[in-house]
Amino acid sequence: MSHEGIALISRVAVVAVLIIMTALVRVLVGPSETRGLYMGLGTLGGMGIGVGVASLISVSITTDVSAIGAVLGIFAGWGVAWFFARRIPREAL
């Protein structure tokens, strides 16, 4: 298998893991719109920081690692956002 084929399969696997993890985080957050907003901001902030750091790393290793950086940034963003979101009570529908 070529390098491009391996890269494609790995990106499909990353997308599948992200879909599953996003569903799991949404269940943990609950029905609260405010908690969901905090987690969404954590997702966007983490993705932005992850891609920014990946662009700095990509220069030194001469390959594109922005997808990996974005995924790791999303997880880090969720971790930081959860510190704030857990202080907001869960709202029942």
PDB file of N, CA and C in Angstrom:
ATOM      1  N   MET A   1       0.844  -1.164   0.000  1.00  0.00           N
ATOM      2  CA  MET A   1       0.000   0.000   0.000  1.00  0.00           C
ATOM      3  C   MET A   1       0.897   1.237   0.000  1.00  0.00           C
ATOM      4  N   SER A   2       0.485   2.253  -0.734  1.00  0.00           N
ATOM      5  CA  SER A   2       1.287   3.463  -0.857  1.00  0.00           C
ATOM      6  C   SER A   2       1.146   4.343   0.387  1.00  0.00           C
ATOM      7  N   HIS A   3       2.008   5.316   0.457  1.00  0.00           N
ATOM      8  CA  HIS A   3       1.989   6.252   1.584  1.00  0.00           C
ATOM      9  C   HIS A   3       0.661   7.025   1.615  1.00  0.00           C
ATOM     10  N   GLU A   4       0.139   7.386   0.444  1.00  0.00           N
ATOM     11  CA  GLU A   4      -1.120   8.118   0.372  1.00  0.00           C
ATOM     12  C   GLU A   4      -2.282   7.266   0.869  1.00  0.00           C
ATOM     13  N   GLY A   5      -2.248   5.964   0.557  1.00  0.00           N
ATOM     14  CA  GLY A   5      -3.306   5.059   1.024  1.00  0.00           C
ATOM     15  C   GLY A   5      -3.307   4.906   2.530  1.00  0.00           C
ATOM     16  N   ILE A   6      -2.124   4.818   3.096  1.00  0.00           N
ATOM     17  CA  ILE A   6      -2.018   4.713   4.554  1.00  0.00           C
ATOM     18  C   ILE A   6      -2.492   5.999   5.212  1.00  0.00           C
ATOM     19  N   ALA A   7      -2.143   7.136   4.630  1.00  0.00           N
ATOM     20  CA  ALA A   7      -2.585   8.416   5.177  1.00  0.00           C
ATOM     21  C   ALA A   7      -4.101   8.543   5.106  1.00  0.00           C
ATOM     22  N   LEU A   8      -4.697   8.100   4.018  1.00  0.00           N
ATOM     23  CA  LEU A   8      -6.145   8.167   3.872  1.00  0.00           C
ATOM     24  C   LEU A   8      -6.844   7.277   4.896  1.00  0.00           C
ATOM     25  N   ILE A   9      -6.377   6.070   5.061  1.00  0.00           N
ATOM     26  CA  ILE A   9      -6.988   5.147   6.021  1.00  0.00           C
ATOM     27  C   ILE A   9      -6.833   5.676   7.448  1.00  0.00           C
ATOM     28  N   SER A  10      -5.689   6.250   7.762  1.00  0.00           N
ATOM     29  CA  SER A  10      -5.498   6.781   9.117  1.00  0.00           C
ATOM     30  C   SER A  10      -6.403   7.978   9.371  1.00  0.00           C
ATOM     31  N   ARG A  11      -6.622   8.804   8.374  1.00  0.00           N
ATOM     32  CA  ARG A  11      -7.531   9.944   8.560  1.00  0.00           C
ATOM     33  C   ARG A  11      -8.975   9.485   8.704  1.00  0.00           C
ATOM     34  N   VAL A  12      -9.364   8.464   7.991  1.00  0.00           N
ATOM     35  CA  VAL A  12     -10.721   7.915   8.151  1.00  0.00           C
ATOM     36  C   VAL A  12     -10.878   7.351   9.561  1.00  0.00           C
ATOM     37  N   ALA A  13      -9.855   6.690  10.064  1.00  0.00           N
ATOM     38  CA  ALA A  13      -9.913   6.157  11.428  1.00  0.00           C
ATOM     39  C   ALA A  13     -10.006   7.279  12.452  1.00  0.00           C
ATOM     40  N   VAL A  14      -9.281   8.359  12.236  1.00  0.00           N
ATOM     41  CA  VAL A  14      -9.344   9.500  13.146  1.00  0.00           C
ATOM     42  C   VAL A  14     -10.739  10.115  13.140  1.00  0.00           C
ATOM     43  N   VAL A  15     -11.341  10.250  11.981  1.00  0.00           N
ATOM     44  CA  VAL A  15     -12.700  10.806  11.893  1.00  0.00           C
ATOM     45  C   VAL A  15     -13.695   9.897  12.613  1.00  0.00           C
ATOM     46  N   ALA A  16     -13.555   8.594  12.461  1.00  0.00           N
ATOM     47  CA  ALA A  16     -14.453   7.663  13.153  1.00  0.00           C
ATOM     48  C   ALA A  16     -14.313   7.785  14.667  1.00  0.00           C
ATOM     49  N   VAL A  17     -13.082   7.892  15.150  1.00  0.00           N
ATOM     50  CA  VAL A  17     -12.862   8.054  16.596  1.00  0.00           C
ATOM     51  C   VAL A  17     -13.439   9.384  17.077  1.00  0.00           C
ATOM     52  N   LEU A  18     -13.286  10.436  16.293  1.00  0.00           N
ATOM     53  CA  LEU A  18     -13.834  11.730  16.680  1.00  0.00           C
ATOM     54  C   LEU A  18     -15.355  11.710  16.763  1.00  0.00           C
ATOM     55  N   ILE A  19     -16.001  11.021  15.847  1.00  0.00           N
ATOM     56  CA  ILE A  19     -17.464  10.927  15.887  1.00  0.00           C
ATOM     57  C   ILE A  19     -17.912  10.218  17.154  1.00  0.00           C
ATOM     58  N   ILE A  20     -17.250   9.131  17.495  1.00  0.00           N
ATOM     59  CA  ILE A  20     -17.611   8.379  18.702  1.00  0.00           C
ATOM     60  C   ILE A  20     -17.318   9.202  19.951  1.00  0.00           C
ATOM     61  N   MET A  21     -16.163   9.846  20.010  1.00  0.00           N
ATOM     62  CA  MET A  21     -15.811  10.635  21.184  1.00  0.00           C
ATOM     63  C   MET A  21     -16.727  11.851  21.348  1.00  0.00           C
ATOM     64  N   THR A  22     -17.113  12.480  20.253  1.00  0.00           N
ATOM     65  CA  THR A  22     -18.022  13.616  20.335  1.00  0.00           C
ATOM     66  C   THR A  22     -19.373  13.195  20.888  1.00  0.00           C
ATOM     67  N   ALA A  23     -19.867  12.054  20.468  1.00  0.00           N
ATOM     68  CA  ALA A  23     -21.131  11.548  21.002  1.00  0.00           C
ATOM     69  C   ALA A  23     -21.008  11.248  22.492  1.00  0.00           C
ATOM     70  N   LEU A  24     -19.895  10.675  22.900  1.00  0.00           N
ATOM     71  CA  LEU A  24     -19.684  10.364  24.310  1.00  0.00           C
ATOM     72  C   LEU A  24     -19.611  11.639  25.153  1.00  0.00           C
ATOM     73  N   VAL A  25     -18.887  12.636  24.674  1.00  0.00           N
ATOM     74  CA  VAL A  25     -18.786  13.899  25.410  1.00  0.00           C
ATOM     75  C   VAL A  25     -20.146  14.578  25.493  1.00  0.00           C
ATOM     76  N   ARG A  26     -20.926  14.500  24.434  1.00  0.00           N
ATOM     77  CA  ARG A  26     -22.261  15.114  24.441  1.00  0.00           C
ATOM     78  C   ARG A  26     -23.154  14.450  25.486  1.00  0.00           C
ATOM     79  N   VAL A  27     -23.043  13.144  25.643  1.00  0.00           N
ATOM     80  CA  VAL A  27     -23.817  12.436  26.663  1.00  0.00           C
ATOM     81  C   VAL A  27     -23.362  12.862  28.054  1.00  0.00           C
ATOM     82  N   LEU A  28     -22.060  13.010  28.255  1.00  0.00           N
ATOM     83  CA  LEU A  28     -21.547  13.422  29.559  1.00  0.00           C
ATOM     84  C   LEU A  28     -21.947  14.850  29.917  1.00  0.00           C
ATOM     85  N   VAL A  29     -22.038  15.715  28.923  1.00  0.00           N
ATOM     86  CA  VAL A  29     -22.394  17.109  29.161  1.00  0.00           C
ATOM     87  C   VAL A  29     -23.851  17.227  29.587  1.00  0.00           C
ATOM     88  N   GLY A  30     -24.710  16.446  28.986  1.00  0.00           N
ATOM     89  CA  GLY A  30     -26.128  16.479  29.333  1.00  0.00           C
ATOM     90  C   GLY A  30     -26.898  17.484  28.491  1.00  0.00           C
ATOM     91  N   PRO A  31     -28.153  17.738  28.865  1.00  0.00           N
ATOM     92  CA  PRO A  31     -29.012  18.582  28.040  1.00  0.00           C
ATOM     93  C   PRO A  31     -28.813  20.084  28.248  1.00  0.00           C
ATOM     94  N   SER A  32     -27.932  20.500  29.128  1.00  0.00           N
ATOM     95  CA  SER A  32     -27.729  21.917  29.418  1.00  0.00           C
ATOM     96  C   SER A  32     -27.111  22.635  28.220  1.00  0.00           C
ATOM     97  N   GLU A  33     -27.771  23.719  27.791  1.00  0.00           N
ATOM     98  CA  GLU A  33     -27.242  24.489  26.664  1.00  0.00           C
ATOM     99  C   GLU A  33     -25.978  25.244  27.053  1.00  0.00           C
ATOM    100  N   THR A  34     -25.894  25.704  28.297  1.00  0.00           N
ATOM    101  CA  THR A  34     -24.711  26.441  28.736  1.00  0.00           C
ATOM    102  C   THR A  34     -23.499  25.527  28.792  1.00  0.00           C
ATOM    103  N   ARG A  35     -23.687  24.319  29.302  1.00  0.00           N
ATOM    104  CA  ARG A  35     -22.579  23.355  29.309  1.00  0.00           C
ATOM    105  C   ARG A  35     -22.143  23.026  27.893  1.00  0.00           C
ATOM    106  N   GLY A  36     -23.108  22.846  27.015  1.00  0.00           N
ATOM    107  CA  GLY A  36     -22.795  22.573  25.613  1.00  0.00           C
ATOM    108  C   GLY A  36     -22.026  23.711  24.966  1.00  0.00           C
ATOM    109  N   LEU A  37     -22.382  24.950  25.334  1.00  0.00           N
ATOM    110  CA  LEU A  37     -21.663  26.112  24.812  1.00  0.00           C
ATOM    111  C   LEU A  37     -20.217  26.104  25.277  1.00  0.00           C
ATOM    112  N   TYR A  38     -19.993  25.824  26.551  1.00  0.00           N
ATOM    113  CA  TYR A  38     -18.625  25.766  27.073  1.00  0.00           C
ATOM    114  C   TYR A  38     -17.817  24.682  26.370  1.00  0.00           C
ATOM    115  N   MET A  39     -18.414  23.531  26.178  1.00  0.00           N
ATOM    116  CA  MET A  39     -17.689  22.444  25.522  1.00  0.00           C
ATOM    117  C   MET A  39     -17.423  22.775  24.049  1.00  0.00           C
ATOM    118  N   GLY A  40     -18.358  23.449  23.410  1.00  0.00           N
ATOM    119  CA  GLY A  40     -18.135  23.878  22.024  1.00  0.00           C
ATOM    120  C   GLY A  40     -17.006  24.883  21.911  1.00  0.00           C
ATOM    121  N   LEU A  41     -16.947  25.819  22.873  1.00  0.00           N
ATOM    122  CA  LEU A  41     -15.836  26.775  22.877  1.00  0.00           C
ATOM    123  C   LEU A  41     -14.510  26.071  23.141  1.00  0.00           C
ATOM    124  N   GLY A  42     -14.538  25.061  24.012  1.00  0.00           N
ATOM    125  CA  GLY A  42     -13.331  24.281  24.259  1.00  0.00           C
ATOM    126  C   GLY A  42     -12.883  23.530  23.015  1.00  0.00           C
ATOM    127  N   THR A  43     -13.845  23.022  22.251  1.00  0.00           N
ATOM    128  CA  THR A  43     -13.529  22.323  21.005  1.00  0.00           C
ATOM    129  C   THR A  43     -12.849  23.257  20.014  1.00  0.00           C
ATOM    130  N   LEU A  44     -13.451  24.427  19.803  1.00  0.00           N
ATOM    131  CA  LEU A  44     -12.884  25.370  18.833  1.00  0.00           C
ATOM    132  C   LEU A  44     -11.532  25.917  19.280  1.00  0.00           C
ATOM    133  N   GLY A  45     -11.432  26.274  20.550  1.00  0.00           N
ATOM    134  CA  GLY A  45     -10.156  26.789  21.052  1.00  0.00           C
ATOM    135  C   GLY A  45      -9.061  25.746  21.008  1.00  0.00           C
ATOM    136  N   GLY A  46      -9.387  24.534  21.417  1.00  0.00           N
ATOM    137  CA  GLY A  46      -8.400  23.460  21.391  1.00  0.00           C
ATOM    138  C   GLY A  46      -7.961  23.117  19.987  1.00  0.00           C
ATOM    139  N   MET A  47      -8.905  23.123  19.053  1.00  0.00           N
ATOM    140  CA  MET A  47      -8.551  22.822  17.664  1.00  0.00           C
ATOM    141  C   MET A  47      -7.636  23.908  17.101  1.00  0.00           C
ATOM    142  N   GLY A  48      -7.951  25.151  17.397  1.00  0.00           N
ATOM    143  CA  GLY A  48      -7.116  26.248  16.914  1.00  0.00           C
ATOM    144  C   GLY A  48      -5.701  26.187  17.466  1.00  0.00           C
ATOM    145  N   ILE A  49      -5.587  25.944  18.760  1.00  0.00           N
ATOM    146  CA  ILE A  49      -4.260  25.847  19.378  1.00  0.00           C
ATOM    147  C   ILE A  49      -3.517  24.616  18.863  1.00  0.00           C
ATOM    148  N   GLY A  50      -4.236  23.498  18.694  1.00  0.00           N
ATOM    149  CA  GLY A  50      -3.594  22.286  18.197  1.00  0.00           C
ATOM    150  C   GLY A  50      -3.046  22.451  16.797  1.00  0.00           C
ATOM    151  N   VAL A  51      -3.805  23.106  15.928  1.00  0.00           N
ATOM    152  CA  VAL A  51      -3.325  23.334  14.560  1.00  0.00           C
ATOM    153  C   VAL A  51      -2.168  24.325  14.560  1.00  0.00           C
ATOM    154  N   GLY A  52      -2.231  25.329  15.437  1.00  0.00           N
ATOM    155  CA  GLY A  52      -1.132  26.289  15.530  1.00  0.00           C
ATOM    156  C   GLY A  52       0.170  25.641  15.974  1.00  0.00           C
ATOM    157  N   VAL A  53       0.094  24.795  16.980  1.00  0.00           N
ATOM    158  CA  VAL A  53       1.284  24.090  17.450  1.00  0.00           C
ATOM    159  C   VAL A  53       1.770  23.106  16.384  1.00  0.00           C
ATOM    160  N   ALA A  54       0.824  22.452  15.705  1.00  0.00           N
ATOM    161  CA  ALA A  54       1.214  21.495  14.661  1.00  0.00           C
ATOM    162  C   ALA A  54       1.933  22.188  13.504  1.00  0.00           C
ATOM    163  N   SER A  55       1.536  23.422  13.200  1.00  0.00           N
ATOM    164  CA  SER A  55       2.234  24.120  12.112  1.00  0.00           C
ATOM    165  C   SER A  55       3.681  24.426  12.490  1.00  0.00           C
ATOM    166  N   LEU A  56       3.927  24.693  13.767  1.00  0.00           N
ATOM    167  CA  LEU A  56       5.305  24.913  14.201  1.00  0.00           C
ATOM    168  C   LEU A  56       6.116  23.615  14.179  1.00  0.00           C
ATOM    169  N   ILE A  57       5.469  22.509  14.544  1.00  0.00           N
ATOM    170  CA  ILE A  57       6.154  21.216  14.554  1.00  0.00           C
ATOM    171  C   ILE A  57       6.383  20.721  13.124  1.00  0.00           C
ATOM    172  N   SER A  58       5.430  20.992  12.231  1.00  0.00           N
ATOM    173  CA  SER A  58       5.539  20.512  10.847  1.00  0.00           C
ATOM    174  C   SER A  58       6.774  21.048  10.142  1.00  0.00           C
ATOM    175  N   VAL A  59       7.186  22.239  10.492  1.00  0.00           N
ATOM    176  CA  VAL A  59       8.361  22.830   9.858  1.00  0.00           C
ATOM    177  C   VAL A  59       9.618  22.021  10.199  1.00  0.00           C
ATOM    178  N   SER A  60       9.711  21.583  11.442  1.00  0.00           N
ATOM    179  CA  SER A  60      10.937  20.895  11.850  1.00  0.00           C
ATOM    180  C   SER A  60      10.973  19.429  11.404  1.00  0.00           C
ATOM    181  N   ILE A  61       9.812  18.777  11.291  1.00  0.00           N
ATOM    182  CA  ILE A  61       9.825  17.366  10.901  1.00  0.00           C
ATOM    183  C   ILE A  61       9.464  17.167   9.425  1.00  0.00           C
ATOM    184  N   THR A  62       9.206  18.236   8.713  1.00  0.00           N
ATOM    185  CA  THR A  62       8.926  18.261   7.268  1.00  0.00           C
ATOM    186  C   THR A  62       7.801  17.323   6.844  1.00  0.00           C
ATOM    187  N   THR A  63       6.763  17.238   7.647  1.00  0.00           N
ATOM    188  CA  THR A  63       5.550  16.533   7.250  1.00  0.00           C
ATOM    189  C   THR A  63       4.363  17.210   7.913  1.00  0.00           C
ATOM    190  N   ASP A  64       3.177  17.019   7.354  1.00  0.00           N
ATOM    191  CA  ASP A  64       1.981  17.678   7.866  1.00  0.00           C
ATOM    192  C   ASP A  64       1.398  16.878   9.026  1.00  0.00           C
ATOM    193  N   VAL A  65       1.333  17.484  10.187  1.00  0.00           N
ATOM    194  CA  VAL A  65       0.756  16.833  11.361  1.00  0.00           C
ATOM    195  C   VAL A  65      -0.418  17.648  11.907  1.00  0.00           C
ATOM    196  N   SER A  66      -1.041  18.457  11.032  1.00  0.00           N
ATOM    197  CA  SER A  66      -2.112  19.327  11.494  1.00  0.00           C
ATOM    198  C   SER A  66      -3.342  18.550  11.950  1.00  0.00           C
ATOM    199  N   ALA A  67      -3.653  17.430  11.303  1.00  0.00           N
ATOM    200  CA  ALA A  67      -4.813  16.634  11.719  1.00  0.00           C
ATOM    201  C   ALA A  67      -4.594  16.038  13.105  1.00  0.00           C
ATOM    202  N   ILE A  68      -3.402  15.543  13.353  1.00  0.00           N
ATOM    203  CA  ILE A  68      -3.087  14.987  14.669  1.00  0.00           C
ATOM    204  C   ILE A  68      -3.093  16.092  15.721  1.00  0.00           C
ATOM    205  N   GLY A  69      -2.531  17.237  15.382  1.00  0.00           N
ATOM    206  CA  GLY A  69      -2.531  18.366  16.304  1.00  0.00           C
ATOM    207  C   GLY A  69      -3.935  18.849  16.623  1.00  0.00           C
ATOM    208  N   ALA A  70      -4.811  18.866  15.613  1.00  0.00           N
ATOM    209  CA  ALA A  70      -6.183  19.292  15.836  1.00  0.00           C
ATOM    210  C   ALA A  70      -6.911  18.329  16.768  1.00  0.00           C
ATOM    211  N   VAL A  71      -6.729  17.042  16.562  1.00  0.00           N
ATOM    212  CA  VAL A  71      -7.390  16.049  17.413  1.00  0.00           C
ATOM    213  C   VAL A  71      -6.891  16.150  18.853  1.00  0.00           C
ATOM    214  N   LEU A  72      -5.592  16.234  19.040  1.00  0.00           N
ATOM    215  CA  LEU A  72      -5.053  16.368  20.385  1.00  0.00           C
ATOM    216  C   LEU A  72      -5.488  17.679  21.028  1.00  0.00           C
ATOM    217  N   GLY A  73      -5.589  18.734  20.226  1.00  0.00           N
ATOM    218  CA  GLY A  73      -6.067  20.015  20.725  1.00  0.00           C
ATOM    219  C   GLY A  73      -7.522  19.965  21.151  1.00  0.00           C
ATOM    220  N   ILE A  74      -8.341  19.235  20.403  1.00  0.00           N
ATOM    221  CA  ILE A  74      -9.750  19.088  20.774  1.00  0.00           C
ATOM    222  C   ILE A  74      -9.869  18.397  22.122  1.00  0.00           C
ATOM    223  N   PHE A  75      -9.115  17.323  22.307  1.00  0.00           N
ATOM    224  CA  PHE A  75      -9.167  16.617  23.589  1.00  0.00           C
ATOM    225  C   PHE A  75      -8.690  17.518  24.727  1.00  0.00           C
ATOM    226  N   ALA A  76      -7.641  18.288  24.495  1.00  0.00           N
ATOM    227  CA  ALA A  76      -7.147  19.209  25.522  1.00  0.00           C
ATOM    228  C   ALA A  76      -8.177  20.308  25.791  1.00  0.00           C
ATOM    229  N   GLY A  77      -8.815  20.808  24.748  1.00  0.00           N
ATOM    230  CA  GLY A  77      -9.848  21.828  24.905  1.00  0.00           C
ATOM    231  C   GLY A  77     -11.041  21.313  25.694  1.00  0.00           C
ATOM    232  N   TRP A  78     -11.429  20.067  25.444  1.00  0.00           N
ATOM    233  CA  TRP A  78     -12.517  19.474  26.225  1.00  0.00           C
ATOM    234  C   TRP A  78     -12.129  19.363  27.693  1.00  0.00           C
ATOM    235  N   GLY A  79     -10.888  18.990  27.944  1.00  0.00           N
ATOM    236  CA  GLY A  79     -10.425  18.867  29.327  1.00  0.00           C
ATOM    237  C   GLY A  79     -10.476  20.198  30.061  1.00  0.00           C
ATOM    238  N   VAL A  80     -10.029  21.259  29.408  1.00  0.00           N
ATOM    239  CA  VAL A  80     -10.047  22.582  30.033  1.00  0.00           C
ATOM    240  C   VAL A  80     -11.481  23.076  30.187  1.00  0.00           C
ATOM    241  N   ALA A  81     -12.299  22.897  29.167  1.00  0.00           N
ATOM    242  CA  ALA A  81     -13.689  23.366  29.226  1.00  0.00           C
ATOM    243  C   ALA A  81     -14.486  22.616  30.284  1.00  0.00           C
ATOM    244  N   TRP A  82     -14.142  21.363  30.534  1.00  0.00           N
ATOM    245  CA  TRP A  82     -14.897  20.579  31.506  1.00  0.00           C
ATOM    246  C   TRP A  82     -14.734  21.140  32.917  1.00  0.00           C
ATOM    247  N   PHE A  83     -13.560  21.739  33.215  1.00  0.00           N
ATOM    248  CA  PHE A  83     -13.366  22.359  34.520  1.00  0.00           C
ATOM    249  C   PHE A  83     -14.408  23.450  34.770  1.00  0.00           C
ATOM    250  N   PHE A  84     -14.796  24.175  33.721  1.00  0.00           N
ATOM    251  CA  PHE A  84     -15.787  25.235  33.858  1.00  0.00           C
ATOM    252  C   PHE A  84     -17.206  24.697  33.713  1.00  0.00           C
ATOM    253  N   ALA A  85     -17.412  23.762  32.796  1.00  0.00           N
ATOM    254  CA  ALA A  85     -18.759  23.264  32.521  1.00  0.00           C
ATOM    255  C   ALA A  85     -19.318  22.431  33.672  1.00  0.00           C
ATOM    256  N   ARG A  86     -18.463  21.764  34.418  1.00  0.00           N
ATOM    257  CA  ARG A  86     -18.978  20.909  35.486  1.00  0.00           C
ATOM    258  C   ARG A  86     -19.532  21.715  36.658  1.00  0.00           C
ATOM    259  N   ARG A  87     -19.220  22.986  36.726  1.00  0.00           N
ATOM    260  CA  ARG A  87     -19.760  23.837  37.794  1.00  0.00           C
ATOM    261  C   ARG A  87     -21.168  24.303  37.503  1.00  0.00           C
ATOM    262  N   ILE A  88     -21.609  24.113  36.286  1.00  0.00           N
ATOM    263  CA  ILE A  88     -22.966  24.484  35.899  1.00  0.00           C
ATOM    264  C   ILE A  88     -23.852  23.264  36.123  1.00  0.00           C
ATOM    265  N   PRO A  89     -24.975  23.429  36.818  1.00  0.00           N
ATOM    266  CA  PRO A  89     -25.820  22.259  37.101  1.00  0.00           C
ATOM    267  C   PRO A  89     -26.437  21.687  35.830  1.00  0.00           C
ATOM    268  N   ARG A  90     -26.620  20.353  35.844  1.00  0.00           N
ATOM    269  CA  ARG A  90     -27.306  19.695  34.727  1.00  0.00           C
ATOM    270  C   ARG A  90     -28.765  20.098  34.745  1.00  0.00           C
ATOM    271  N   GLU A  91     -29.281  20.440  33.600  1.00  0.00           N
ATOM    272  CA  GLU A  91     -30.682  20.837  33.487  1.00  0.00           C
ATOM    273  C   GLU A  91     -31.465  19.676  32.890  1.00  0.00           C
ATOM    274  N   ALA A  92     -32.578  19.397  33.472  1.00  0.00           N
ATOM    275  CA  ALA A  92     -33.461  18.361  32.913  1.00  0.00           C
ATOM    276  C   ALA A  92     -34.330  19.003  31.842  1.00  0.00           C
ATOM    277  N   LEU A  93     -34.714  18.215  30.856  1.00  0.00           N
ATOM    278  CA  LEU A  93     -35.578  18.737  29.793  1.00  0.00           C
ATOM    279  C   LEU A  93     -36.980  18.908  30.257  1.00  0.00           C
TER     280      LEU A  93
END
